[in-house]
């Protein structure tokens, strides 16, 4: 026998706005207000209705499935062998506000639930003659 209740359904709750700045301190040059003015001035807002929302809240990546398990592969051997380079790169990005601060796995899982991450790989870029850090989204996690 099923009993219906108005408060038994899933509820969307907003995250703690205090923690938002800690977990997501990312600085972006994309100012949605400017985009709004420009699109309105060009009478084109109706052509790009998702742009303002995407800039403010992130763009839809085209899938809507729920993540039911965590996938967090070990980094590629190249990033382990070049750990000083990786740490220097991450420190630079943190200082610029391009990365979120490091979180321990248990805290991240507790706050956000299941997630998928990608491994880091270091490659040599012959055009620029230096190493570069790659976030490898195409890898299956094998090193």
Protein backbone atom coordinates (compact mmCIF):
# COMPACT_ATOMS: atom_id res chain seq x y z
CA UNK A 1 0.00 0.00 0.00
CA UNK A 2 1.37 3.41 -0.98
CA UNK A 3 0.76 6.56 0.96
CA UNK A 4 1.33 9.88 -0.71
CA UNK A 5 2.78 12.81 1.17
CA UNK A 6 3.44 16.31 -0.09
CA UNK A 7 6.87 16.50 1.54
CA UNK A 8 8.19 13.07 0.56
CA UNK A 9 9.49 14.05 -2.88
CA UNK A 10 13.01 15.08 -3.77
CA UNK A 11 13.81 18.62 -2.73
CA UNK A 12 16.35 20.93 -4.31
CA UNK A 13 18.26 22.78 -1.64
CA UNK A 14 20.70 25.57 -2.19
CA UNK A 15 24.25 25.06 -1.02
CA UNK A 16 25.62 27.16 1.77
CA UNK A 17 26.55 30.49 0.09
CA UNK A 18 29.41 30.94 2.57
CA UNK A 19 31.03 27.72 1.33
CA UNK A 20 30.43 28.59 -2.34
CA UNK A 21 33.30 31.07 -2.31
CA UNK A 22 35.56 28.52 -0.62
CA UNK A 23 34.75 25.65 -2.97
CA UNK A 24 34.35 27.75 -6.13
CA UNK A 25 36.61 30.81 -5.99
CA UNK A 26 37.04 30.72 -9.75
CA UNK A 27 37.50 34.11 -11.37
CA UNK A 28 36.05 34.47 -14.85
CA UNK A 29 36.39 37.34 -17.29
CA UNK A 30 32.92 36.58 -18.67
CA UNK A 31 30.68 39.28 -17.24
CA UNK A 32 27.08 38.26 -17.80
CA UNK A 33 25.76 41.82 -17.39
CA UNK A 34 27.88 42.98 -20.34
CA UNK A 35 26.66 40.05 -22.42
CA UNK A 36 23.09 40.94 -21.48
CA UNK A 37 23.55 44.57 -22.61
CA UNK A 38 25.28 43.58 -25.84
CA UNK A 39 22.71 40.93 -26.77
CA UNK A 40 19.82 43.30 -25.97
CA UNK A 41 21.42 46.13 -27.95
CA UNK A 42 21.80 43.77 -30.91
CA UNK A 43 18.21 42.53 -30.48
CA UNK A 44 19.68 39.03 -30.29
CA UNK A 45 18.83 37.90 -26.76
CA UNK A 46 16.06 35.65 -28.11
CA UNK A 47 18.62 33.92 -30.37
CA UNK A 48 20.91 33.01 -27.46
CA UNK A 49 18.65 32.47 -24.43
CA UNK A 50 21.06 30.10 -22.68
CA UNK A 51 24.16 32.29 -22.84
CA UNK A 52 23.46 34.41 -19.76
CA UNK A 53 22.45 31.40 -17.69
CA UNK A 54 25.49 29.48 -18.92
CA UNK A 55 27.88 32.27 -17.99
CA UNK A 56 26.31 32.66 -14.54
CA UNK A 57 25.63 29.03 -13.60
CA UNK A 58 27.68 26.98 -16.12
CA UNK A 59 26.71 25.60 -19.48
CA UNK A 60 24.81 22.37 -19.98
CA UNK A 61 27.16 19.74 -21.35
CA UNK A 62 24.38 17.86 -23.12
CA UNK A 63 23.76 15.01 -20.72
CA UNK A 64 21.35 14.69 -17.87
CA UNK A 65 22.14 11.37 -16.27
CA UNK A 66 22.71 11.20 -12.54
CA UNK A 67 26.18 10.19 -11.37
CA UNK A 68 25.67 7.04 -9.31
CA UNK A 69 29.28 6.17 -8.49
CA UNK A 70 32.57 7.99 -8.09
CA UNK A 71 35.23 7.74 -10.81
CA UNK A 72 38.58 9.24 -9.80
CA UNK A 73 41.52 7.61 -11.61
CA UNK A 74 45.12 7.86 -10.47
CA UNK A 75 47.16 10.46 -12.32
CA UNK A 76 49.26 9.39 -15.30
CA UNK A 77 52.82 8.28 -14.55
CA UNK A 78 54.12 11.37 -16.36
CA UNK A 79 52.52 13.65 -13.76
CA UNK A 80 53.94 11.58 -10.91
CA UNK A 81 57.44 11.67 -12.45
CA UNK A 82 57.10 15.46 -12.92
CA UNK A 83 55.44 16.20 -9.59
CA UNK A 84 57.41 19.42 -8.98
CA UNK A 85 56.22 20.82 -12.31
CA UNK A 86 52.62 19.79 -11.52
CA UNK A 87 52.74 21.37 -8.04
CA UNK A 88 54.20 24.62 -9.42
CA UNK A 89 51.52 24.77 -12.13
CA UNK A 90 48.71 24.17 -9.64
CA UNK A 91 50.14 26.78 -7.23
CA UNK A 92 50.21 29.34 -10.05
CA UNK A 93 46.60 28.59 -11.05
CA UNK A 94 45.43 28.76 -7.41
CA UNK A 95 47.12 32.14 -6.98
CA UNK A 96 45.35 33.45 -10.11
CA UNK A 97 42.00 32.13 -8.87
CA UNK A 98 41.63 29.67 -11.75
CA UNK A 99 41.48 26.54 -9.57
CA UNK A 100 39.49 25.62 -6.49
CA UNK A 101 41.62 24.85 -3.44
CA UNK A 102 42.60 21.22 -2.85
CA UNK A 103 40.06 19.25 -0.83
CA UNK A 104 40.50 15.91 0.80
CA UNK A 105 38.58 13.10 -0.86
CA UNK A 106 36.25 12.37 2.07
CA UNK A 107 35.26 16.03 2.54
CA UNK A 108 34.62 16.47 -1.19
CA UNK A 109 32.51 13.29 -1.34
CA UNK A 110 30.53 14.38 1.73
CA UNK A 111 29.77 17.85 0.32
CA UNK A 112 29.15 16.95 -3.34
CA UNK A 113 28.31 13.24 -3.40
CA UNK A 114 29.44 11.08 -6.31
CA UNK A 115 31.62 12.72 -8.95
CA UNK A 116 33.83 11.97 -11.93
CA UNK A 117 37.31 13.39 -12.30
CA UNK A 118 40.03 13.09 -14.89
CA UNK A 119 43.68 12.28 -14.55
CA UNK A 120 46.56 14.71 -14.99
CA UNK A 121 49.19 14.09 -17.64
CA UNK A 122 52.39 15.99 -18.45
CA UNK A 123 53.42 16.27 -22.09
CA UNK A 124 56.23 18.10 -23.82
CA UNK A 125 55.05 20.76 -26.26
CA UNK A 126 57.69 21.03 -29.01
CA UNK A 127 56.16 24.23 -30.40
CA UNK A 128 56.83 26.11 -27.16
CA UNK A 129 59.73 23.93 -26.02
CA UNK A 130 58.32 23.23 -22.58
CA UNK A 131 56.20 20.84 -20.56
CA UNK A 132 52.47 21.37 -20.26
CA UNK A 133 49.89 19.96 -17.89
CA UNK A 134 46.92 18.22 -19.50
CA UNK A 135 43.68 17.32 -17.76
CA UNK A 136 42.99 14.13 -19.70
CA UNK A 137 39.21 13.74 -19.99
CA UNK A 138 39.53 11.04 -22.65
CA UNK A 139 41.50 8.58 -20.54
CA UNK A 140 39.98 5.44 -19.09
CA UNK A 141 42.22 5.81 -16.06
CA UNK A 142 44.95 3.45 -17.24
CA UNK A 143 48.46 4.79 -16.92
